[in-house]
Protein backbone atom coordinates (compact mmCIF):
# COMPACT_ATOMS: atom_id res chain seq x y z
CA MET A 1 -5.50 12.76 -2.07
CA THR A 2 -2.56 10.79 -0.69
CA SER A 3 -2.27 8.89 -3.97
CA LEU A 4 -2.22 12.07 -6.04
CA THR A 5 0.31 13.75 -3.74
CA ASP A 6 2.59 10.73 -3.72
CA LEU A 7 2.26 10.40 -7.48
CA ALA A 8 3.24 14.05 -7.97
CA ARG A 9 6.29 13.60 -5.74
CA GLN A 10 7.28 10.40 -7.56
CA VAL A 11 6.92 11.96 -10.99
CA VAL A 12 8.99 15.04 -10.08
CA ALA A 13 11.66 12.84 -8.50
CA ALA A 14 11.78 10.58 -11.56
CA ARG A 15 11.98 13.57 -13.90
CA VAL A 16 14.86 15.23 -12.04
CA LEU A 17 16.77 12.41 -10.34
CA LEU A 18 18.58 9.43 -11.80
CA PRO A 19 17.52 5.81 -11.21
CA GLY A 20 20.64 5.42 -9.06
CA ASP A 21 19.47 8.21 -6.74
CA MET A 22 16.08 6.55 -6.35
CA GLY A 23 17.87 3.27 -5.73
CA LEU A 24 19.94 4.81 -2.92
CA MET A 25 16.79 6.00 -1.17
CA GLY A 26 15.29 2.60 -1.76
CA ILE A 27 18.21 0.90 -0.01
CA VAL A 28 17.83 3.21 3.00
CA LEU A 29 14.11 2.51 3.29
CA LEU A 30 14.64 -1.22 2.85
CA GLN A 31 17.05 -1.41 5.80
CA LEU A 32 14.52 0.47 7.91
CA SER A 33 11.72 -1.82 6.75
CA VAL A 34 13.69 -4.90 7.82
CA LEU A 35 13.95 -3.67 11.41
CA GLU A 36 10.36 -2.44 11.50
CA ALA A 37 9.06 -5.79 10.31
CA LEU A 38 11.11 -7.74 12.86
CA THR A 39 9.85 -5.61 15.76
CA LYS A 40 6.20 -5.02 14.80
CA THR A 41 4.10 -5.47 17.94
CA GLY A 42 0.62 -5.50 16.42
CA PHE A 43 -0.57 -3.41 19.39
CA ASP A 44 -2.53 -0.99 17.18
CA GLN A 45 -4.57 -3.79 15.64
CA ALA A 46 -5.05 -5.41 19.05
CA LEU A 47 -6.42 -2.16 20.51
CA ILE A 48 -8.77 -1.63 17.57
CA GLN A 49 -10.00 -5.22 17.67
CA ARG A 50 -10.84 -5.24 21.41
CA ASP A 51 -14.48 -4.61 22.27
CA LYS A 52 -13.77 -2.48 25.37
CA GLY A 53 -11.28 -1.60 28.07
CA VAL A 54 -8.61 -0.05 25.85
CA GLY A 55 -8.16 3.14 27.88
CA GLY A 56 -5.98 1.45 30.48
CA LEU A 57 -3.72 0.00 27.80
CA MET A 58 -2.87 3.19 25.91
CA ASN A 59 0.11 4.23 28.04
CA VAL A 60 1.66 0.77 27.77
CA ALA A 61 1.18 0.73 23.99
CA TRP A 62 2.77 4.18 23.65
CA THR A 63 5.69 3.19 25.90
CA TRP A 64 6.48 0.20 23.72
CA GLN A 65 6.14 2.39 20.63
CA VAL A 66 8.61 4.98 21.95
CA LEU A 67 11.14 2.37 23.08
CA ARG A 68 10.84 0.57 19.77
CA GLY A 69 11.61 3.78 17.89
CA LEU A 70 14.68 4.51 20.01
CA VAL A 71 16.01 0.96 19.73
CA LEU A 72 15.45 0.83 15.97
CA ALA A 73 17.21 4.16 15.49
CA ALA A 74 20.18 3.03 17.60
CA VAL A 75 20.53 -0.27 15.75
CA LEU A 76 20.17 1.41 12.36
CA ALA A 77 22.73 4.09 13.22
CA ALA A 78 25.23 1.48 14.44
CA ALA A 79 24.73 -0.65 11.32
CA ALA A 80 25.06 2.27 8.88
CA PRO A 81 28.86 2.04 8.33
CA LEU A 82 28.64 -1.73 7.84
CA LEU A 83 25.84 -1.36 5.31
CA ALA A 84 27.76 1.35 3.46
CA ARG A 85 30.77 -0.96 3.16
CA GLY A 86 28.59 -3.93 2.21
CA TYR A 87 26.97 -2.04 -0.67
CA ASP A 88 30.23 -0.17 -1.46
CA LEU A 89 28.30 3.11 -1.23
CA PRO A 90 29.97 5.55 1.23
CA VAL A 91 27.08 8.04 1.00
CA LEU A 92 24.73 5.40 2.42
CA ALA A 93 25.91 5.87 6.03
CA PRO A 94 25.03 9.58 6.41
CA LEU A 95 21.73 8.99 4.60
CA ILE A 96 20.82 6.31 7.15
CA TRP A 97 21.90 8.46 10.09
CA VAL A 98 19.57 11.28 9.08
CA THR A 99 16.76 8.79 8.42
CA CYS A 100 17.08 7.71 12.07
CA LEU A 101 15.32 10.99 12.96
CA HIS A 102 12.29 9.70 11.06
CA VAL A 103 12.38 6.48 13.11
CA VAL A 104 12.51 8.28 16.47
CA LEU A 105 9.73 10.67 15.47
CA GLN A 106 7.50 7.79 14.38
CA GLY A 107 7.78 6.32 17.85
CA LEU A 108 6.60 9.57 19.44
CA GLN A 109 3.32 9.77 17.52
CA ASN A 110 0.24 10.06 19.72
CA VAL A 111 -1.28 6.62 20.29
CA GLY A 112 -4.64 8.32 20.79
CA LEU A 113 -5.11 8.21 17.02
CA ILE A 114 -6.26 4.62 17.54
CA TYR A 115 -9.51 6.02 18.94
CA PHE A 116 -10.24 7.59 15.56
CA SER A 117 -10.00 4.18 13.90
CA ARG A 118 -12.08 2.51 16.61
CA ASP A 119 -14.76 5.19 16.32
CA LEU A 120 -14.64 5.16 12.50
CA ASP A 121 -13.75 8.87 12.56
CA PHE A 122 -12.06 8.90 9.19
CA LYS A 123 -12.49 12.63 8.78
CA ALA A 124 -9.85 13.09 11.49
CA LEU A 125 -7.60 10.42 9.97
CA PHE A 126 -7.95 12.05 6.56
CA PHE A 127 -6.86 15.38 8.04
CA ILE A 128 -3.80 13.85 9.68
CA ASN A 129 -2.71 11.95 6.56
CA ALA A 130 -3.38 14.99 4.38
CA VAL A 131 -1.11 17.15 6.53
CA ARG A 132 1.67 14.55 6.46
CA THR A 133 1.59 13.95 2.72
CA THR A 134 1.19 17.63 1.88
CA VAL A 135 4.15 18.64 4.05
CA GLN A 136 6.28 15.78 2.73
CA ALA A 137 5.53 16.69 -0.88
CA GLY A 138 5.74 20.43 -0.17
CA VAL A 139 9.24 20.03 1.24
CA ALA A 140 10.50 17.23 -1.01
CA ILE A 141 9.47 18.66 -4.40
CA PRO A 142 11.25 22.05 -3.99
CA ALA A 143 14.22 20.23 -2.45
CA ILE A 144 14.38 17.88 -5.45
CA ILE A 145 14.32 20.80 -7.87
CA ILE A 146 16.96 22.76 -5.91
CA ARG A 147 19.34 20.00 -4.79
CA GLN A 148 18.72 17.42 -7.53
CA ASP A 149 20.06 14.58 -5.40
CA VAL A 150 18.90 11.86 -3.02
CA TRP A 151 19.10 14.12 0.04
CA ALA A 152 15.93 15.87 -1.10
CA LEU A 153 13.98 12.63 -0.58
CA VAL A 154 15.39 12.17 2.93
CA ILE A 155 14.56 15.76 3.87
CA GLY A 156 10.98 15.31 2.67
CA LEU A 157 10.60 12.06 4.62
CA VAL A 158 11.73 13.58 7.92
CA ALA A 159 9.62 16.71 7.41
CA GLY A 160 6.49 14.66 6.73
CA THR A 161 7.02 12.53 9.84
CA LEU A 162 7.60 15.59 12.04
CA ALA A 163 4.36 17.13 10.77
CA SER A 164 2.53 13.86 11.45
CA VAL A 165 3.71 13.79 15.08
CA ILE A 166 2.73 17.40 15.72
CA VAL A 167 -0.72 17.05 14.19
CA SER A 168 -1.34 13.77 16.08
CA PHE A 169 -1.16 15.66 19.39
CA VAL A 170 -3.17 18.58 18.03
CA ALA A 171 -5.91 16.29 16.70
CA HIS A 172 -6.42 14.13 19.81
CA PRO A 173 -6.49 15.25 23.47
CA LEU A 174 -4.86 12.08 24.86
CA ARG A 175 -1.48 12.80 26.44
CA PRO A 176 0.13 9.38 26.89
CA LYS A 177 2.70 8.74 29.60
CA LEU A 178 5.46 6.19 30.00
CA GLU A 179 4.14 3.08 31.75
CA TRP A 180 5.88 -0.29 31.95
CA ASP A 181 3.37 -3.02 32.78
CA LEU A 182 4.13 -6.49 31.42
CA ALA A 183 0.72 -7.86 32.43
CA LYS A 184 -1.03 -5.29 30.21
CA ALA A 185 1.48 -5.81 27.43
CA ARG A 186 0.74 -9.56 27.45
CA GLN A 187 -2.94 -8.81 26.83
CA LEU A 188 -1.99 -7.01 23.64
CA LEU A 189 0.64 -9.54 22.62
CA LYS A 190 -1.91 -12.36 22.67
CA PHE A 191 -3.51 -10.91 19.53
CA GLY A 192 -0.44 -9.07 18.31
CA LYS A 193 1.75 -12.18 17.96
CA TRP A 194 -0.08 -13.15 14.78
CA ILE A 195 0.30 -9.60 13.48
CA THR A 196 4.05 -9.73 14.24
CA GLY A 197 4.45 -13.00 12.35
CA LEU A 198 2.28 -11.74 9.52
CA THR A 199 4.25 -8.48 9.29
CA ILE A 200 7.58 -10.30 9.01
CA MET A 201 6.19 -12.61 6.35
CA VAL A 202 4.50 -9.81 4.40
CA PHE A 203 7.72 -7.78 4.52
CA LEU A 204 9.66 -10.63 2.96
CA ILE A 205 6.89 -11.01 0.39
CA VAL A 206 6.49 -7.32 -0.48
CA GLN A 207 10.00 -5.99 0.15
CA GLY A 208 12.11 -9.15 -0.05
CA ASP A 209 12.29 -8.98 -3.83
CA ALA A 210 13.49 -5.37 -3.72
CA LEU A 211 16.02 -6.25 -1.00
CA PHE A 212 17.38 -9.04 -3.17
CA VAL A 213 17.47 -6.80 -6.25
CA SER A 214 19.47 -4.20 -4.31
CA TRP A 215 22.07 -6.82 -3.42
CA TYR A 216 22.09 -8.84 -6.65
CA LEU A 217 21.56 -6.20 -9.34
CA GLY A 218 22.66 -2.94 -7.65
CA PRO A 219 21.16 0.49 -6.85
CA VAL A 220 20.36 1.51 -10.45
CA ALA A 221 18.33 -1.66 -11.02
CA LEU A 222 16.69 -1.14 -7.62
CA GLY A 223 15.74 2.42 -8.58
CA LEU A 224 14.07 1.19 -11.77
CA TYR A 225 12.34 -1.67 -10.00
CA MET A 226 11.03 0.37 -7.08
CA PHE A 227 9.77 3.14 -9.35
CA ALA A 228 7.93 0.57 -11.45
CA TYR A 229 6.56 -1.13 -8.35
CA ASP A 230 5.44 2.10 -6.72
CA LEU A 231 3.85 3.42 -9.89
CA ALA A 232 2.02 0.16 -10.59
CA ALA A 233 0.88 -0.40 -7.03
CA LEU A 234 0.07 3.20 -6.10
CA PRO A 235 -3.63 3.30 -7.09
CA THR A 236 -4.57 -0.20 -5.89
CA THR A 237 -2.35 -0.15 -2.80
CA LYS A 238 -3.73 3.17 -1.58
CA LEU A 239 -7.25 2.01 -2.32
CA THR A 240 -6.68 -1.24 -0.41
CA TYR A 241 -5.07 0.62 2.50
CA VAL A 242 -7.98 3.04 2.82
CA ILE A 243 -10.59 0.30 2.57
CA GLY A 244 -8.68 -1.80 5.09
CA ARG A 245 -8.58 1.09 7.56
CA VAL A 246 -12.34 1.47 7.19
CA ALA A 247 -13.28 -2.21 7.07
CA PHE A 248 -11.21 -3.60 9.96
CA PRO A 249 -12.91 -1.65 12.78
CA ALA A 250 -16.29 -2.20 11.08
CA TYR A 251 -15.76 -5.97 11.02
CA SER A 252 -14.54 -5.88 14.63
CA ARG A 253 -17.83 -4.29 15.68
CA LEU A 254 -19.85 -6.90 13.79
CA GLN A 255 -18.18 -10.05 15.15
CA ALA A 256 -21.46 -11.20 16.72
CA LYS A 257 -23.54 -10.27 13.64
CA PRO A 258 -22.40 -12.51 10.76
CA ASP A 259 -25.22 -11.47 8.41
CA GLU A 260 -24.31 -7.79 8.69
CA MET A 261 -20.62 -8.63 8.37
CA ARG A 262 -21.40 -10.55 5.18
CA ALA A 263 -23.33 -7.61 3.72
CA VAL A 264 -20.52 -5.18 4.55
CA PHE A 265 -17.91 -7.48 3.00
CA LEU A 266 -19.89 -7.80 -0.23
CA ASP A 267 -20.30 -4.04 -0.54
CA VAL A 268 -16.62 -3.40 0.24
CA MET A 269 -15.63 -6.01 -2.37
CA ARG A 270 -17.91 -4.51 -5.03
CA ALA A 271 -16.60 -1.00 -4.38
CA THR A 272 -12.98 -2.16 -4.49
CA MET A 273 -13.26 -4.09 -7.73
CA LEU A 274 -15.33 -1.37 -9.36
CA VAL A 275 -12.43 1.05 -8.84
CA SER A 276 -9.33 -1.14 -9.04
CA GLY A 277 -10.25 -2.82 -12.35
CA PRO A 278 -10.63 0.31 -14.52
CA VAL A 279 -7.71 2.06 -12.80
CA SER A 280 -5.46 -0.94 -13.47
CA VAL A 281 -6.51 -1.13 -17.13
CA LEU A 282 -5.90 2.60 -17.60
CA LEU A 283 -2.44 2.48 -16.00
CA PHE A 284 -1.52 -0.62 -18.01
CA ALA A 285 -2.44 1.25 -21.19
CA ILE A 286 -0.91 4.67 -20.56
CA ILE A 287 2.41 3.71 -18.94
CA PRO A 288 4.33 4.22 -22.23
CA ASP A 289 2.89 7.75 -22.46
CA ILE A 290 3.88 8.48 -18.85
CA VAL A 291 7.44 7.35 -19.52
CA HIS A 292 7.94 9.00 -22.90
CA HIS A 293 6.14 12.29 -22.27
CA VAL A 294 6.47 12.86 -18.50
CA VAL A 295 9.40 11.23 -16.70
CA GLY A 296 11.77 10.78 -19.66
CA GLY A 297 13.41 8.06 -21.70
CA LYS A 298 15.85 7.07 -18.94
CA TRP A 299 12.93 5.21 -17.34
CA GLU A 300 11.92 3.26 -20.47
CA PRO A 301 12.98 -0.11 -18.94
CA VAL A 302 10.12 0.19 -16.42
CA ILE A 303 7.34 -0.12 -19.06
CA PRO A 304 7.17 -3.94 -19.14
CA LEU A 305 7.74 -4.09 -15.38
CA VAL A 306 4.83 -1.77 -14.66
CA ARG A 307 2.51 -3.80 -16.87
CA ILE A 308 3.33 -7.04 -15.05
CA LEU A 309 3.06 -5.36 -11.66
CA VAL A 310 -0.24 -3.65 -12.55
CA ILE A 311 -1.80 -7.08 -13.02
CA ALA A 312 -0.28 -8.17 -9.70
CA GLY A 313 -1.62 -5.02 -8.04
CA TRP A 314 -5.12 -5.67 -9.33
CA VAL A 315 -5.06 -9.22 -7.93
CA ARG A 316 -3.65 -7.86 -4.67
CA SER A 317 -6.51 -5.37 -4.36
CA PHE A 318 -8.83 -8.38 -4.43
CA ALA A 319 -6.74 -10.62 -2.16
CA ALA A 320 -6.26 -7.86 0.42
CA LEU A 321 -10.01 -7.67 1.02
CA ALA A 322 -9.77 -10.75 3.22
CA GLY A 323 -7.10 -9.41 5.61
CA PRO A 324 -9.34 -6.92 7.48
CA LEU A 325 -12.12 -9.53 7.57
CA PHE A 326 -9.88 -12.20 9.09
CA GLN A 327 -8.45 -9.82 11.69
CA GLY A 328 -11.78 -8.18 12.49
CA ALA A 329 -13.36 -11.62 13.02
CA ASN A 330 -10.52 -12.49 15.43
CA ARG A 331 -8.93 -14.94 12.98
CA PRO A 332 -5.54 -13.33 12.22
CA ASP A 333 -4.18 -16.86 11.77
CA LEU A 334 -6.09 -17.10 8.48
CA ASP A 335 -4.35 -13.96 7.23
CA PHE A 336 -1.00 -15.53 8.14
CA LYS A 337 -1.88 -18.81 6.40
CA MET A 338 -3.17 -16.98 3.32
CA ASN A 339 0.19 -15.28 2.82
CA LEU A 340 2.35 -18.33 3.60
CA PRO A 341 2.40 -19.74 0.02
CA ARG A 342 3.18 -16.26 -1.27
CA PHE A 343 6.10 -16.11 1.15
CA LEU A 344 7.45 -19.49 -0.03
CA ILE A 345 7.23 -18.45 -3.68
CA ALA A 346 9.17 -15.25 -2.96
CA VAL A 347 11.89 -16.92 -0.88
CA LEU A 348 12.44 -19.97 -3.08
CA LEU A 349 12.18 -18.47 -6.56
CA ILE A 350 13.44 -14.87 -6.42
CA TRP A 351 17.09 -15.81 -7.03
CA PRO A 352 16.55 -18.01 -10.13
CA ALA A 353 13.95 -15.55 -11.43
CA CYS A 354 16.40 -12.62 -11.23
CA ALA A 355 19.24 -14.74 -12.61
CA TYR A 356 17.29 -15.74 -15.73
CA GLY A 357 14.84 -12.88 -16.15
CA GLY A 358 16.39 -9.88 -14.40
CA LEU A 359 13.85 -7.31 -13.25
CA LYS A 360 11.09 -8.90 -15.34
CA GLY A 361 11.74 -12.17 -13.53
CA ALA A 362 11.35 -10.45 -10.17
CA SER A 363 8.09 -8.89 -11.37
CA TYR A 364 6.67 -12.25 -12.43
CA ILE A 365 7.49 -13.64 -8.97
CA VAL A 366 5.35 -10.87 -7.44
CA LEU A 367 2.45 -11.84 -9.71
CA ALA A 368 2.81 -15.57 -9.08
CA GLY A 369 3.02 -15.05 -5.33
CA ILE A 370 -0.16 -13.02 -4.99
CA VAL A 371 -2.12 -15.57 -7.03
CA THR A 372 -1.23 -18.29 -4.50
CA CYS A 373 -3.18 -16.39 -1.81
CA LEU A 374 -6.50 -17.04 -3.51
CA PRO A 375 -7.27 -20.61 -2.30
CA THR A 376 -7.06 -19.59 1.37
CA TRP A 377 -8.92 -16.37 0.51
CA PHE A 378 -11.92 -18.30 -0.78
CA TYR A 379 -11.75 -20.81 2.09
CA GLY A 380 -11.63 -18.14 4.79
CA VAL A 381 -14.35 -15.98 3.25
CA LYS A 382 -16.62 -19.01 2.89
CA LEU A 383 -15.91 -20.04 6.50
CA LEU A 384 -16.50 -16.63 8.11
CA VAL A 385 -19.25 -15.05 6.02
CA GLY A 386 -20.54 -17.90 3.86
CA ILE A 387 -19.68 -16.42 0.46
CA SER A 388 -18.84 -18.96 -2.26
CA PRO A 389 -16.55 -18.41 -5.29
CA TRP A 390 -19.62 -18.33 -7.55
CA GLN A 391 -21.17 -15.58 -5.41
CA VAL A 392 -17.93 -13.61 -5.67
CA LEU A 393 -18.01 -13.81 -9.47
CA LYS A 394 -21.72 -12.98 -9.64
CA SER A 395 -21.42 -10.05 -7.23
CA ASN A 396 -18.76 -8.39 -9.40
CA VAL A 397 -20.33 -8.70 -12.86
CA LEU A 398 -20.58 -4.91 -13.17
CA ALA A 399 -16.89 -4.54 -12.27
CA TRP A 400 -15.85 -7.09 -14.91
CA VAL A 401 -17.99 -5.40 -17.58
CA THR A 402 -16.77 -1.92 -16.64
CA THR A 403 -13.13 -3.01 -16.79
CA ALA A 404 -13.52 -4.84 -20.11
CA VAL A 405 -15.33 -1.92 -21.75
CA LEU A 406 -12.57 0.51 -20.77
CA GLY A 407 -9.94 -1.83 -22.21
CA VAL A 408 -11.77 -2.12 -25.53
CA THR A 409 -12.46 1.62 -25.87
CA TYR A 410 -8.80 2.39 -25.19
CA LEU A 411 -7.57 -0.10 -27.80
CA VAL A 412 -9.93 1.34 -30.42
CA SER A 413 -9.08 4.99 -29.67
CA ARG A 414 -5.34 4.31 -29.66
CA HIS A 415 -5.60 2.52 -33.01
CA LEU A 416 -7.48 5.46 -34.53
CA LEU A 417 -5.34 8.24 -33.01
CA ARG A 418 -1.83 6.76 -32.96
CA GLY A 419 0.90 9.40 -33.40
CA ASP A 420 2.69 12.16 -31.50
CA TRP A 421 2.18 13.16 -27.87
CA VAL A 422 -0.88 15.28 -28.70
CA ARG A 423 -2.56 12.29 -30.33
CA ASP A 424 -1.55 10.06 -27.42
CA ILE A 425 -3.22 12.37 -24.92
CA ALA A 426 -6.24 12.78 -27.19
CA SER A 427 -6.63 9.01 -27.53
CA SER A 428 -6.69 8.58 -23.75
CA LEU A 429 -9.32 11.30 -23.34
CA VAL A 430 -11.44 9.86 -26.16
CA ALA A 431 -11.19 6.40 -24.59
CA ILE A 432 -12.43 7.64 -21.22
CA ILE A 433 -15.30 9.62 -22.77
CA ALA A 434 -16.29 6.66 -24.95
CA TRP A 435 -16.14 4.38 -21.90
CA LEU A 436 -18.51 6.64 -19.97
CA VAL A 437 -20.91 6.81 -22.92
CA VAL A 438 -20.90 3.03 -23.39
CA MET A 439 -21.46 2.41 -19.68
CA ALA A 440 -24.36 4.89 -19.71
CA VAL A 441 -25.94 2.97 -22.60
CA VAL A 442 -25.34 -0.35 -20.82
CA GLY A 443 -26.99 1.06 -17.71
CA TRP A 444 -29.97 2.24 -19.75
CA LEU A 445 -30.46 -1.09 -21.56
CA THR A 446 -29.58 -3.52 -18.75
CA PRO A 447 -29.65 -3.70 -14.92
CA LEU A 448 -25.87 -3.01 -14.93
CA SER A 449 -26.00 0.71 -14.15
CA LEU A 450 -22.63 2.08 -13.05
CA LEU A 451 -24.07 5.35 -11.73
CA GLN A 452 -26.81 3.66 -9.70
CA GLU A 453 -24.34 1.17 -8.23
CA ILE A 454 -21.97 3.96 -7.19
CA ARG A 455 -24.84 5.76 -5.48
CA ARG A 456 -26.00 2.56 -3.78
CA LEU A 457 -22.52 1.64 -2.53
CA ARG A 458 -21.88 5.16 -1.30
CA GLY A 459 -25.10 5.13 0.71
CA ALA A 460 -24.61 1.60 2.02
CA LEU A 461 -21.01 2.12 3.16
CA ALA A 462 -21.74 5.55 4.63
CA THR A 463 -24.47 4.14 6.89
CA ARG A 464 -22.15 1.45 8.19
């Protein structure tokens, strides 16, 4: 639901706004992301990972969260004029000042939501996220249509955060209070220090390229790049985020049961690859149709970028499976080490890549970086749950077949129905129908039944 809502908001914004407007909003969010990454405490993950005794730590965690929000807002507000002069964009300062409301509101969110993650109550978390995304889209989309400028995006952001804070206190009865206790904070920091380091590194990996593009190539290039990145990563990133939210507390509960942890990891991996592969192939194929028939020709430069980043997103959906496992097994250091080569690739090569390849060069750096995570991925998974690379390949045969069949059916249907926008849409529908028919035949003739595997995974993951 979040993916569809975000996609609708992105498409409307791209249709109405210019790449420069999207780039302006991107610059604002990047400055905020820098401060958030530098001050990430990791307290949420520490509270979820602990076996017991979290009730006495909630007030301390909320106090740090509130103070962090106030400090970040103050620093961001003070830096706004300097950033506006640095980018030579006077409108940037007021945009940042209003965004500071979002920062303060984030700090006020009820820390009691952590109990929902600990208790695997994802119905409650779904409700909270649904309210936030619905309000954000419900405010932003009309504002985009009416105002047709970057302020509509800022208004939607603040409205969504305000709704999230309100519903967090409605959904959970905990009423946290301010409590300053360094001894309790140290208990959380012991685990959280790895999360802090990991967050800084992942920020530079995930957002560092966009930050460099904003400085080196300007807001219009940033708008194109961020739209391509968001569009390419939206399905796999949301999928990975949801699975991570589910898997991390599950792994934390199974620390003393390696066999059960192994079984859960295998099922989570199969489910992820079974979805991310076909979705990535479909997005890779239809991105020209999305640009030409939906968002408009002004976004045509994003087509090759999206295709590179879709491949990177598919690899990331696989690589990200290890993060919740490493943290849930109390080995956040492995997550840090897994992302270190990716960090070095991004830092050392982003400048020459942009200088010689422009936005395509930056996109290839994203792909190269995520591939470097795989050696540590296989090492850590083998160490913690005893799964070898061969077992990974064998466990995902159905996912590979499903993905390949969709790619072939799309190529055939597009070749037969090439033409205007009606034929383009028809070819996509024919490809999906043909894919389902072929997979049904494969399931009838071989043990590779897509429907039976979906039913099995749904039952297995639901019981865990």
